[in-house]
Amino acid sequence: MKRILTIMILALLAVACKNSKAVSETSNEEQIIGTVSHKYRAGGCPTVIIAPNGGDTLTLIPTQSLGKFDIDGLEVRFTYHPLRRPNPEGCVVGIPASIVGIAKAK
């Protein structure tokens, strides 16, 4: 019985340690420029911000309201922190993020 209990505890510890991966994009402390978009609203996504990321495109789902910056096509400058939470129902693009220090780009 002790042997089974020990094996179960070790297995739980191994699983717990394995699940503590860091998010691939931890945080971006320098401001980047992106475009506010409403193009995924029909699919269930709220407003997103689309920004170039090297040769790829980064799609961020702001978790808080963008307020006066929530205008489709508006270029904004901001800092973001990716969040570990599920995407909104029906939203299959992007990653949830906390948007900080947002301002009009031009």
PDB file of N, CA and C in Angstrom:
ATOM      1  N   MET A   1       0.825  -1.193   0.000  1.00  0.00           N
ATOM      2  CA  MET A   1       0.000   0.000   0.000  1.00  0.00           C
ATOM      3  C   MET A   1       0.871   1.259   0.000  1.00  0.00           C
ATOM      4  N   LYS A   2       1.939   1.232   0.815  1.00  0.00           N
ATOM      5  CA  LYS A   2       2.837   2.390   0.853  1.00  0.00           C
ATOM      6  C   LYS A   2       3.518   2.588  -0.497  1.00  0.00           C
ATOM      7  N   ARG A   3       3.862   1.486  -1.141  1.00  0.00           N
ATOM      8  CA  ARG A   3       4.530   1.566  -2.428  1.00  0.00           C
ATOM      9  C   ARG A   3       3.608   2.216  -3.469  1.00  0.00           C
ATOM     10  N   ILE A   4       2.339   1.845  -3.498  1.00  0.00           N
ATOM     11  CA  ILE A   4       1.373   2.421  -4.435  1.00  0.00           C
ATOM     12  C   ILE A   4       1.184   3.904  -4.154  1.00  0.00           C
ATOM     13  N   LEU A   5       1.071   4.271  -2.894  1.00  0.00           N
ATOM     14  CA  LEU A   5       0.912   5.671  -2.504  1.00  0.00           C
ATOM     15  C   LEU A   5       2.126   6.500  -2.915  1.00  0.00           C
ATOM     16  N   THR A   6       3.307   5.966  -2.728  1.00  0.00           N
ATOM     17  CA  THR A   6       4.540   6.661  -3.118  1.00  0.00           C
ATOM     18  C   THR A   6       4.588   6.855  -4.633  1.00  0.00           C
ATOM     19  N   ILE A   7       4.224   5.841  -5.386  1.00  0.00           N
ATOM     20  CA  ILE A   7       4.226   5.935  -6.850  1.00  0.00           C
ATOM     21  C   ILE A   7       3.220   6.982  -7.304  1.00  0.00           C
ATOM     22  N   MET A   8       2.044   7.014  -6.675  1.00  0.00           N
ATOM     23  CA  MET A   8       1.022   7.994  -7.056  1.00  0.00           C
ATOM     24  C   MET A   8       1.488   9.420  -6.764  1.00  0.00           C
ATOM     25  N   ILE A   9       2.133   9.633  -5.631  1.00  0.00           N
ATOM     26  CA  ILE A   9       2.630  10.967  -5.279  1.00  0.00           C
ATOM     27  C   ILE A   9       3.713  11.403  -6.255  1.00  0.00           C
ATOM     28  N   LEU A  10       4.634  10.510  -6.591  1.00  0.00           N
ATOM     29  CA  LEU A  10       5.692  10.842  -7.549  1.00  0.00           C
ATOM     30  C   LEU A  10       5.102  11.158  -8.926  1.00  0.00           C
ATOM     31  N   ALA A  11       4.085  10.416  -9.340  1.00  0.00           N
ATOM     32  CA  ALA A  11       3.445  10.669 -10.639  1.00  0.00           C
ATOM     33  C   ALA A  11       2.767  12.038 -10.642  1.00  0.00           C
ATOM     34  N   LEU A  12       2.092  12.388  -9.559  1.00  0.00           N
ATOM     35  CA  LEU A  12       1.457  13.698  -9.467  1.00  0.00           C
ATOM     36  C   LEU A  12       2.483  14.819  -9.496  1.00  0.00           C
ATOM     37  N   LEU A  13       3.593  14.639  -8.811  1.00  0.00           N
ATOM     38  CA  LEU A  13       4.652  15.656  -8.827  1.00  0.00           C
ATOM     39  C   LEU A  13       5.243  15.824 -10.220  1.00  0.00           C
ATOM     40  N   ALA A  14       5.427  14.720 -10.921  1.00  0.00           N
ATOM     41  CA  ALA A  14       5.981  14.794 -12.280  1.00  0.00           C
ATOM     42  C   ALA A  14       5.032  15.529 -13.212  1.00  0.00           C
ATOM     43  N   VAL A  15       3.740  15.257 -13.104  1.00  0.00           N
ATOM     44  CA  VAL A  15       2.754  15.932 -13.949  1.00  0.00           C
ATOM     45  C   VAL A  15       2.690  17.414 -13.600  1.00  0.00           C
ATOM     46  N   ALA A  16       2.726  17.745 -12.324  1.00  0.00           N
ATOM     47  CA  ALA A  16       2.663  19.147 -11.899  1.00  0.00           C
ATOM     48  C   ALA A  16       3.866  19.930 -12.408  1.00  0.00           C
ATOM     49  N   CYS A  17       5.033  19.349 -12.370  1.00  0.00           N
ATOM     50  CA  CYS A  17       6.236  20.034 -12.854  1.00  0.00           C
ATOM     51  C   CYS A  17       6.206  20.186 -14.372  1.00  0.00           C
ATOM     52  N   LYS A  18       5.654  19.214 -15.065  1.00  0.00           N
ATOM     53  CA  LYS A  18       5.605  19.250 -16.519  1.00  0.00           C
ATOM     54  C   LYS A  18       4.652  20.330 -17.031  1.00  0.00           C
ATOM     55  N   ASN A  19       3.610  20.655 -16.272  1.00  0.00           N
ATOM     56  CA  ASN A  19       2.618  21.638 -16.686  1.00  0.00           C
ATOM     57  C   ASN A  19       3.017  23.066 -16.376  1.00  0.00           C
ATOM     58  N   SER A  20       4.187  23.309 -15.863  1.00  0.00           N
ATOM     59  CA  SER A  20       4.588  24.676 -15.502  1.00  0.00           C
ATOM     60  C   SER A  20       5.406  25.338 -16.611  1.00  0.00           C
ATOM     61  N   LYS A  21       5.068  25.038 -17.885  1.00  0.00           N
ATOM     62  CA  LYS A  21       5.750  25.653 -19.021  1.00  0.00           C
ATOM     63  C   LYS A  21       5.476  27.145 -19.060  1.00  0.00           C
ATOM     64  N   ALA A  22       6.435  27.888 -19.549  1.00  0.00           N
ATOM     65  CA  ALA A  22       6.242  29.331 -19.735  1.00  0.00           C
ATOM     66  C   ALA A  22       5.496  29.562 -21.041  1.00  0.00           C
ATOM     67  N   VAL A  23       4.745  30.643 -21.101  1.00  0.00           N
ATOM     68  CA  VAL A  23       4.067  31.023 -22.337  1.00  0.00           C
ATOM     69  C   VAL A  23       5.143  31.368 -23.351  1.00  0.00           C
ATOM     70  N   SER A  24       4.962  30.967 -24.605  1.00  0.00           N
ATOM     71  CA  SER A  24       5.998  31.177 -25.612  1.00  0.00           C
ATOM     72  C   SER A  24       6.337  32.644 -25.797  1.00  0.00           C
ATOM     73  N   GLU A  25       5.348  33.509 -25.667  1.00  0.00           N
ATOM     74  CA  GLU A  25       5.606  34.939 -25.777  1.00  0.00           C
ATOM     75  C   GLU A  25       5.320  35.529 -24.403  1.00  0.00           C
ATOM     76  N   THR A  26       6.344  35.661 -23.594  1.00  0.00           N
ATOM     77  CA  THR A  26       6.140  36.038 -22.201  1.00  0.00           C
ATOM     78  C   THR A  26       5.582  37.437 -22.047  1.00  0.00           C
ATOM     79  N   SER A  27       6.307  38.427 -22.397  1.00  0.00           N
ATOM     80  CA  SER A  27       5.771  39.782 -22.388  1.00  0.00           C
ATOM     81  C   SER A  27       6.653  40.629 -23.278  1.00  0.00           C
ATOM     82  N   ASN A  28       6.084  41.683 -23.734  1.00  0.00           N
ATOM     83  CA  ASN A  28       6.809  42.560 -24.633  1.00  0.00           C
ATOM     84  C   ASN A  28       6.907  43.905 -23.945  1.00  0.00           C
ATOM     85  N   GLU A  29       8.066  44.233 -23.433  1.00  0.00           N
ATOM     86  CA  GLU A  29       8.245  45.476 -22.692  1.00  0.00           C
ATOM     87  C   GLU A  29       8.438  46.690 -23.592  1.00  0.00           C
ATOM     88  N   GLU A  30       8.827  46.478 -24.844  1.00  0.00           N
ATOM     89  CA  GLU A  30       8.941  47.625 -25.740  1.00  0.00           C
ATOM     90  C   GLU A  30       7.646  47.782 -26.512  1.00  0.00           C
ATOM     91  N   GLN A  31       7.302  49.003 -26.828  1.00  0.00           N
ATOM     92  CA  GLN A  31       6.039  49.250 -27.510  1.00  0.00           C
ATOM     93  C   GLN A  31       6.117  48.793 -28.954  1.00  0.00           C
ATOM     94  N   ILE A  32       5.018  48.228 -29.417  1.00  0.00           N
ATOM     95  CA  ILE A  32       4.920  47.812 -30.806  1.00  0.00           C
ATOM     96  C   ILE A  32       3.721  48.525 -31.430  1.00  0.00           C
ATOM     97  N   ILE A  33       3.676  48.508 -32.742  1.00  0.00           N
ATOM     98  CA  ILE A  33       2.577  49.151 -33.462  1.00  0.00           C
ATOM     99  C   ILE A  33       1.718  48.067 -34.091  1.00  0.00           C
ATOM    100  N   GLY A  34       0.414  48.206 -33.929  1.00  0.00           N
ATOM    101  CA  GLY A  34      -0.527  47.258 -34.502  1.00  0.00           C
ATOM    102  C   GLY A  34      -1.768  47.985 -34.983  1.00  0.00           C
ATOM    103  N   THR A  35      -2.656  47.234 -35.601  1.00  0.00           N
ATOM    104  CA  THR A  35      -3.891  47.791 -36.148  1.00  0.00           C
ATOM    105  C   THR A  35      -5.084  47.149 -35.457  1.00  0.00           C
ATOM    106  N   VAL A  36      -5.980  47.979 -34.954  1.00  0.00           N
ATOM    107  CA  VAL A  36      -7.216  47.493 -34.342  1.00  0.00           C
ATOM    108  C   VAL A  36      -8.093  46.926 -35.453  1.00  0.00           C
ATOM    109  N   SER A  37      -8.683  45.760 -35.207  1.00  0.00           N
ATOM    110  CA  SER A  37      -9.500  45.122 -36.237  1.00  0.00           C
ATOM    111  C   SER A  37     -10.767  44.510 -35.644  1.00  0.00           C
ATOM    112  N   HIS A  38     -11.834  44.570 -36.429  1.00  0.00           N
ATOM    113  CA  HIS A  38     -13.096  43.935 -36.065  1.00  0.00           C
ATOM    114  C   HIS A  38     -13.419  42.783 -37.017  1.00  0.00           C
ATOM    115  N   LYS A  39     -12.442  42.341 -37.813  1.00  0.00           N
ATOM    116  CA  LYS A  39     -12.723  41.376 -38.875  1.00  0.00           C
ATOM    117  C   LYS A  39     -13.099  39.979 -38.384  1.00  0.00           C
ATOM    118  N   TYR A  40     -12.860  39.664 -37.115  1.00  0.00           N
ATOM    119  CA  TYR A  40     -13.201  38.340 -36.602  1.00  0.00           C
ATOM    120  C   TYR A  40     -14.468  38.356 -35.745  1.00  0.00           C
ATOM    121  N   ARG A  41     -15.172  39.471 -35.683  1.00  0.00           N
ATOM    122  CA  ARG A  41     -16.373  39.576 -34.838  1.00  0.00           C
ATOM    123  C   ARG A  41     -17.463  38.595 -35.251  1.00  0.00           C
ATOM    124  N   ALA A  42     -17.618  38.357 -36.528  1.00  0.00           N
ATOM    125  CA  ALA A  42     -18.656  37.433 -36.995  1.00  0.00           C
ATOM    126  C   ALA A  42     -18.412  36.018 -36.468  1.00  0.00           C
ATOM    127  N   GLY A  43     -17.160  35.661 -36.256  1.00  0.00           N
ATOM    128  CA  GLY A  43     -16.811  34.333 -35.753  1.00  0.00           C
ATOM    129  C   GLY A  43     -16.847  34.219 -34.246  1.00  0.00           C
ATOM    130  N   GLY A  44     -17.089  35.312 -33.542  1.00  0.00           N
ATOM    131  CA  GLY A  44     -17.168  35.254 -32.086  1.00  0.00           C
ATOM    132  C   GLY A  44     -16.053  35.980 -31.369  1.00  0.00           C
ATOM    133  N   CYS A  45     -15.056  36.474 -32.108  1.00  0.00           N
ATOM    134  CA  CYS A  45     -13.959  37.215 -31.470  1.00  0.00           C
ATOM    135  C   CYS A  45     -14.379  38.666 -31.255  1.00  0.00           C
ATOM    136  N   PRO A  46     -13.999  39.216 -30.135  1.00  0.00           N
ATOM    137  CA  PRO A  46     -14.217  40.653 -29.962  1.00  0.00           C
ATOM    138  C   PRO A  46     -13.177  41.419 -30.790  1.00  0.00           C
ATOM    139  N   THR A  47     -12.964  42.635 -30.474  1.00  0.00           N
ATOM    140  CA  THR A  47     -11.928  43.430 -31.134  1.00  0.00           C
ATOM    141  C   THR A  47     -10.574  42.760 -30.945  1.00  0.00           C
ATOM    142  N   VAL A  48      -9.743  42.755 -31.990  1.00  0.00           N
ATOM    143  CA  VAL A  48      -8.375  42.231 -31.901  1.00  0.00           C
ATOM    144  C   VAL A  48      -7.405  43.305 -32.364  1.00  0.00           C
ATOM    145  N   ILE A  49      -6.149  43.111 -32.010  1.00  0.00           N
ATOM    146  CA  ILE A  49      -5.082  43.980 -32.514  1.00  0.00           C
ATOM    147  C   ILE A  49      -4.134  43.088 -33.295  1.00  0.00           C
ATOM    148  N   ILE A  50      -3.893  43.449 -34.549  1.00  0.00           N
ATOM    149  CA  ILE A  50      -3.017  42.676 -35.425  1.00  0.00           C
ATOM    150  C   ILE A  50      -1.713  43.445 -35.591  1.00  0.00           C
ATOM    151  N   ALA A  51      -0.601  42.773 -35.275  1.00  0.00           N
ATOM    152  CA  ALA A  51       0.712  43.421 -35.338  1.00  0.00           C
ATOM    153  C   ALA A  51       1.712  42.510 -36.026  1.00  0.00           C
ATOM    154  N   PRO A  52       2.650  43.097 -36.785  1.00  0.00           N
ATOM    155  CA  PRO A  52       3.708  42.285 -37.384  1.00  0.00           C
ATOM    156  C   PRO A  52       4.616  41.734 -36.286  1.00  0.00           C
ATOM    157  N   ASN A  53       5.071  40.504 -36.477  1.00  0.00           N
ATOM    158  CA  ASN A  53       5.940  39.856 -35.491  1.00  0.00           C
ATOM    159  C   ASN A  53       7.030  39.114 -36.249  1.00  0.00           C
ATOM    160  N   GLY A  54       8.079  39.836 -36.619  1.00  0.00           N
ATOM    161  CA  GLY A  54       9.114  39.248 -37.463  1.00  0.00           C
ATOM    162  C   GLY A  54       8.513  39.011 -38.834  1.00  0.00           C
ATOM    163  N   GLY A  55       8.538  37.794 -39.318  1.00  0.00           N
ATOM    164  CA  GLY A  55       7.932  37.466 -40.603  1.00  0.00           C
ATOM    165  C   GLY A  55       6.501  36.961 -40.449  1.00  0.00           C
ATOM    166  N   ASP A  56       6.006  36.948 -39.236  1.00  0.00           N
ATOM    167  CA  ASP A  56       4.683  36.416 -38.941  1.00  0.00           C
ATOM    168  C   ASP A  56       3.745  37.537 -38.506  1.00  0.00           C
ATOM    169  N   THR A  57       2.511  37.194 -38.208  1.00  0.00           N
ATOM    170  CA  THR A  57       1.545  38.168 -37.725  1.00  0.00           C
ATOM    171  C   THR A  57       1.102  37.767 -36.330  1.00  0.00           C
ATOM    172  N   LEU A  58       1.067  38.711 -35.424  1.00  0.00           N
ATOM    173  CA  LEU A  58       0.641  38.490 -34.049  1.00  0.00           C
ATOM    174  C   LEU A  58      -0.772  39.036 -33.910  1.00  0.00           C
ATOM    175  N   THR A  59      -1.710  38.193 -33.493  1.00  0.00           N
ATOM    176  CA  THR A  59      -3.086  38.618 -33.282  1.00  0.00           C
ATOM    177  C   THR A  59      -3.370  38.551 -31.787  1.00  0.00           C
ATOM    178  N   LEU A  60      -3.656  39.696 -31.199  1.00  0.00           N
ATOM    179  CA  LEU A  60      -3.906  39.783 -29.759  1.00  0.00           C
ATOM    180  C   LEU A  60      -5.378  40.060 -29.504  1.00  0.00           C
ATOM    181  N   ILE A  61      -5.925  39.397 -28.503  1.00  0.00           N
ATOM    182  CA  ILE A  61      -7.307  39.623 -28.088  1.00  0.00           C
ATOM    183  C   ILE A  61      -7.256  40.397 -26.775  1.00  0.00           C
ATOM    184  N   PRO A  62      -7.523  41.708 -26.805  1.00  0.00           N
ATOM    185  CA  PRO A  62      -7.486  42.490 -25.566  1.00  0.00           C
ATOM    186  C   PRO A  62      -8.553  41.999 -24.585  1.00  0.00           C
ATOM    187  N   THR A  63      -8.176  41.844 -23.317  1.00  0.00           N
ATOM    188  CA  THR A  63      -9.131  41.374 -22.322  1.00  0.00           C
ATOM    189  C   THR A  63      -9.894  42.523 -21.682  1.00  0.00           C
ATOM    190  N   GLN A  64      -9.423  43.736 -21.864  1.00  0.00           N
ATOM    191  CA  GLN A  64     -10.137  44.900 -21.346  1.00  0.00           C
ATOM    192  C   GLN A  64     -10.558  45.771 -22.535  1.00  0.00           C
ATOM    193  N   SER A  65     -11.500  46.637 -22.304  1.00  0.00           N
ATOM    194  CA  SER A  65     -11.983  47.513 -23.373  1.00  0.00           C
ATOM    195  C   SER A  65     -10.875  48.450 -23.848  1.00  0.00           C
ATOM    196  N   LEU A  66     -10.826  48.684 -25.139  1.00  0.00           N
ATOM    197  CA  LEU A  66      -9.853  49.629 -25.689  1.00  0.00           C
ATOM    198  C   LEU A  66     -10.390  51.064 -25.637  1.00  0.00           C
ATOM    199  N   GLY A  67     -11.641  51.209 -25.233  1.00  0.00           N
ATOM    200  CA  GLY A  67     -12.234  52.540 -25.083  1.00  0.00           C
ATOM    201  C   GLY A  67     -12.229  53.318 -26.384  1.00  0.00           C
ATOM    202  N   LYS A  68     -11.680  54.518 -26.346  1.00  0.00           N
ATOM    203  CA  LYS A  68     -11.690  55.388 -27.530  1.00  0.00           C
ATOM    204  C   LYS A  68     -10.794  54.877 -28.661  1.00  0.00           C
ATOM    205  N   PHE A  69      -9.990  53.849 -28.390  1.00  0.00           N
ATOM    206  CA  PHE A  69      -9.103  53.295 -29.419  1.00  0.00           C
ATOM    207  C   PHE A  69      -9.751  52.114 -30.156  1.00  0.00           C
ATOM    208  N   ASP A  70     -10.979  51.765 -29.807  1.00  0.00           N
ATOM    209  CA  ASP A  70     -11.674  50.644 -30.435  1.00  0.00           C
ATOM    210  C   ASP A  70     -12.335  51.084 -31.744  1.00  0.00           C
ATOM    211  N   ILE A  71     -11.484  51.443 -32.712  1.00  0.00           N
ATOM    212  CA  ILE A  71     -11.933  51.896 -34.029  1.00  0.00           C
ATOM    213  C   ILE A  71     -11.261  51.006 -35.068  1.00  0.00           C
ATOM    214  N   ASP A  72     -12.068  50.334 -35.870  1.00  0.00           N
ATOM    215  CA  ASP A  72     -11.542  49.424 -36.883  1.00  0.00           C
ATOM    216  C   ASP A  72     -10.568  50.153 -37.808  1.00  0.00           C
ATOM    217  N   GLY A  73      -9.355  49.613 -37.953  1.00  0.00           N
ATOM    218  CA  GLY A  73      -8.344  50.184 -38.837  1.00  0.00           C
ATOM    219  C   GLY A  73      -7.417  51.193 -38.169  1.00  0.00           C
ATOM    220  N   LEU A  74      -7.657  51.536 -36.916  1.00  0.00           N
ATOM    221  CA  LEU A  74      -6.813  52.512 -36.213  1.00  0.00           C
ATOM    222  C   LEU A  74      -5.462  51.899 -35.871  1.00  0.00           C
ATOM    223  N   GLU A  75      -4.376  52.602 -36.209  1.00  0.00           N
ATOM    224  CA  GLU A  75      -3.042  52.149 -35.837  1.00  0.00           C
ATOM    225  C   GLU A  75      -2.736  52.641 -34.435  1.00  0.00           C
ATOM    226  N   VAL A  76      -2.308  51.712 -33.572  1.00  0.00           N
ATOM    227  CA  VAL A  76      -2.013  52.043 -32.181  1.00  0.00           C
ATOM    228  C   VAL A  76      -0.628  51.549 -31.790  1.00  0.00           C
ATOM    229  N   ARG A  77      -0.063  52.206 -30.798  1.00  0.00           N
ATOM    230  CA  ARG A  77       1.228  51.830 -30.200  1.00  0.00           C
ATOM    231  C   ARG A  77       0.905  51.337 -28.791  1.00  0.00           C
ATOM    232  N   PHE A  78       1.477  50.213 -28.379  1.00  0.00           N
ATOM    233  CA  PHE A  78       1.116  49.635 -27.080  1.00  0.00           C
ATOM    234  C   PHE A  78       2.166  48.637 -26.601  1.00  0.00           C
ATOM    235  N   THR A  79       2.016  48.247 -25.370  1.00  0.00           N
ATOM    236  CA  THR A  79       2.779  47.168 -24.770  1.00  0.00           C
ATOM    237  C   THR A  79       1.760  46.111 -24.371  1.00  0.00           C
ATOM    238  N   TYR A  80       2.132  44.839 -24.437  1.00  0.00           N
ATOM    239  CA  TYR A  80       1.175  43.794 -24.087  1.00  0.00           C
ATOM    240  C   TYR A  80       1.817  42.731 -23.203  1.00  0.00           C
ATOM    241  N   HIS A  81       0.958  42.016 -22.502  1.00  0.00           N
ATOM    242  CA  HIS A  81       1.360  40.873 -21.688  1.00  0.00           C
ATOM    243  C   HIS A  81       0.389  39.739 -22.008  1.00  0.00           C
ATOM    244  N   PRO A  82       0.868  38.635 -22.625  1.00  0.00           N
ATOM    245  CA  PRO A  82      -0.024  37.518 -22.938  1.00  0.00           C
ATOM    246  C   PRO A  82      -0.575  36.906 -21.645  1.00  0.00           C
ATOM    247  N   LEU A  83      -1.786  36.435 -21.702  1.00  0.00           N
ATOM    248  CA  LEU A  83      -2.439  35.857 -20.534  1.00  0.00           C
ATOM    249  C   LEU A  83      -2.756  34.388 -20.778  1.00  0.00           C
ATOM    250  N   ARG A  84      -2.684  33.619 -19.717  1.00  0.00           N
ATOM    251  CA  ARG A  84      -3.039  32.203 -19.795  1.00  0.00           C
ATOM    252  C   ARG A  84      -4.512  32.065 -19.440  1.00  0.00           C
ATOM    253  N   ARG A  85      -5.329  32.195 -20.435  1.00  0.00           N
ATOM    254  CA  ARG A  85      -6.767  32.022 -20.264  1.00  0.00           C
ATOM    255  C   ARG A  85      -7.341  31.605 -21.600  1.00  0.00           C
ATOM    256  N   PRO A  86      -8.501  30.976 -21.589  1.00  0.00           N
ATOM    257  CA  PRO A  86      -9.076  30.521 -22.862  1.00  0.00           C
ATOM    258  C   PRO A  86      -9.555  31.684 -23.721  1.00  0.00           C
ATOM    259  N   ASN A  87      -9.566  31.455 -25.016  1.00  0.00           N
ATOM    260  CA  ASN A  87     -10.127  32.440 -25.945  1.00  0.00           C
ATOM    261  C   ASN A  87     -11.633  32.532 -25.729  1.00  0.00           C
ATOM    262  N   PRO A  88     -12.232  33.658 -26.079  1.00  0.00           N
ATOM    263  CA  PRO A  88     -13.691  33.754 -25.981  1.00  0.00           C
ATOM    264  C   PRO A  88     -14.358  32.674 -26.829  1.00  0.00           C
ATOM    265  N   GLU A  89     -15.567  32.299 -26.456  1.00  0.00           N
ATOM    266  CA  GLU A  89     -16.352  31.277 -27.167  1.00  0.00           C
ATOM    267  C   GLU A  89     -16.409  31.574 -28.662  1.00  0.00           C
ATOM    268  N   GLY A  90     -16.022  30.610 -29.481  1.00  0.00           N
ATOM    269  CA  GLY A  90     -16.083  30.752 -30.929  1.00  0.00           C
ATOM    270  C   GLY A  90     -14.893  31.465 -31.549  1.00  0.00           C
ATOM    271  N   CYS A  91     -13.984  31.936 -30.755  1.00  0.00           N
ATOM    272  CA  CYS A  91     -12.818  32.676 -31.251  1.00  0.00           C
ATOM    273  C   CYS A  91     -11.629  31.723 -31.382  1.00  0.00           C
ATOM    274  N   VAL A  92     -11.196  31.486 -32.607  1.00  0.00           N
ATOM    275  CA  VAL A  92     -10.119  30.515 -32.832  1.00  0.00           C
ATOM    276  C   VAL A  92      -8.813  31.179 -33.261  1.00  0.00           C
ATOM    277  N   VAL A  93      -8.782  32.487 -33.315  1.00  0.00           N
ATOM    278  CA  VAL A  93      -7.551  33.183 -33.692  1.00  0.00           C
ATOM    279  C   VAL A  93      -7.037  33.995 -32.509  1.00  0.00           C
ATOM    280  N   GLY A  94      -5.735  34.211 -32.478  1.00  0.00           N
ATOM    281  CA  GLY A  94      -5.148  35.112 -31.505  1.00  0.00           C
ATOM    282  C   GLY A  94      -4.943  34.536 -30.124  1.00  0.00           C
ATOM    283  N   ILE A  95      -4.314  35.379 -29.280  1.00  0.00           N
ATOM    284  CA  ILE A  95      -4.081  35.021 -27.891  1.00  0.00           C
ATOM    285  C   ILE A  95      -4.595  36.144 -26.997  1.00  0.00           C
ATOM    286  N   PRO A  96      -5.242  35.796 -25.887  1.00  0.00           N
ATOM    287  CA  PRO A  96      -5.690  36.826 -24.957  1.00  0.00           C
ATOM    288  C   PRO A  96      -4.489  37.582 -24.389  1.00  0.00           C
ATOM    289  N   ALA A  97      -4.627  38.886 -24.261  1.00  0.00           N
ATOM    290  CA  ALA A  97      -3.516  39.693 -23.761  1.00  0.00           C
ATOM    291  C   ALA A  97      -4.020  40.915 -23.010  1.00  0.00           C
ATOM    292  N   SER A  98      -3.216  41.330 -22.056  1.00  0.00           N
ATOM    293  CA  SER A  98      -3.463  42.588 -21.358  1.00  0.00           C
ATOM    294  C   SER A  98      -2.725  43.675 -22.140  1.00  0.00           C
ATOM    295  N   ILE A  99      -3.453  44.673 -22.582  1.00  0.00           N
ATOM    296  CA  ILE A  99      -2.865  45.756 -23.372  1.00  0.00           C
ATOM    297  C   ILE A  99      -2.582  46.918 -22.425  1.00  0.00           C
ATOM    298  N   VAL A 100      -1.333  47.401 -22.437  1.00  0.00           N
ATOM    299  CA  VAL A 100      -0.897  48.456 -21.520  1.00  0.00           C
ATOM    300  C   VAL A 100      -0.337  49.632 -22.321  1.00  0.00           C
ATOM    301  N   GLY A 101      -0.581  50.819 -21.856  1.00  0.00           N
ATOM    302  CA  GLY A 101       0.019  52.015 -22.461  1.00  0.00           C
ATOM    303  C   GLY A 101      -0.369  52.223 -23.906  1.00  0.00           C
ATOM    304  N   ILE A 102      -1.628  52.051 -24.230  1.00  0.00           N
ATOM    305  CA  ILE A 102      -2.052  52.186 -25.615  1.00  0.00           C
ATOM    306  C   ILE A 102      -2.195  53.662 -25.978  1.00  0.00           C
ATOM    307  N   ALA A 103      -1.766  53.993 -27.198  1.00  0.00           N
ATOM    308  CA  ALA A 103      -1.866  55.370 -27.721  1.00  0.00           C
ATOM    309  C   ALA A 103      -1.986  55.291 -29.232  1.00  0.00           C
ATOM    310  N   LYS A 104      -2.512  56.353 -29.814  1.00  0.00           N
ATOM    311  CA  LYS A 104      -2.612  56.432 -31.268  1.00  0.00           C
ATOM    312  C   LYS A 104      -1.198  56.467 -31.837  1.00  0.00           C
ATOM    313  N   ALA A 105      -0.940  55.706 -32.911  1.00  0.00           N
ATOM    314  CA  ALA A 105       0.408  55.584 -33.455  1.00  0.00           C
ATOM    315  C   ALA A 105       0.875  56.824 -34.176  1.00  0.00           C
ATOM    316  N   LYS A 106       0.004  57.563 -34.812  1.00  0.00           N
ATOM    317  CA  LYS A 106       0.439  58.714 -35.593  1.00  0.00           C
ATOM    318  C   LYS A 106      -0.031  60.005 -34.994  1.00  0.00           C
TER     319      LYS A 106
END
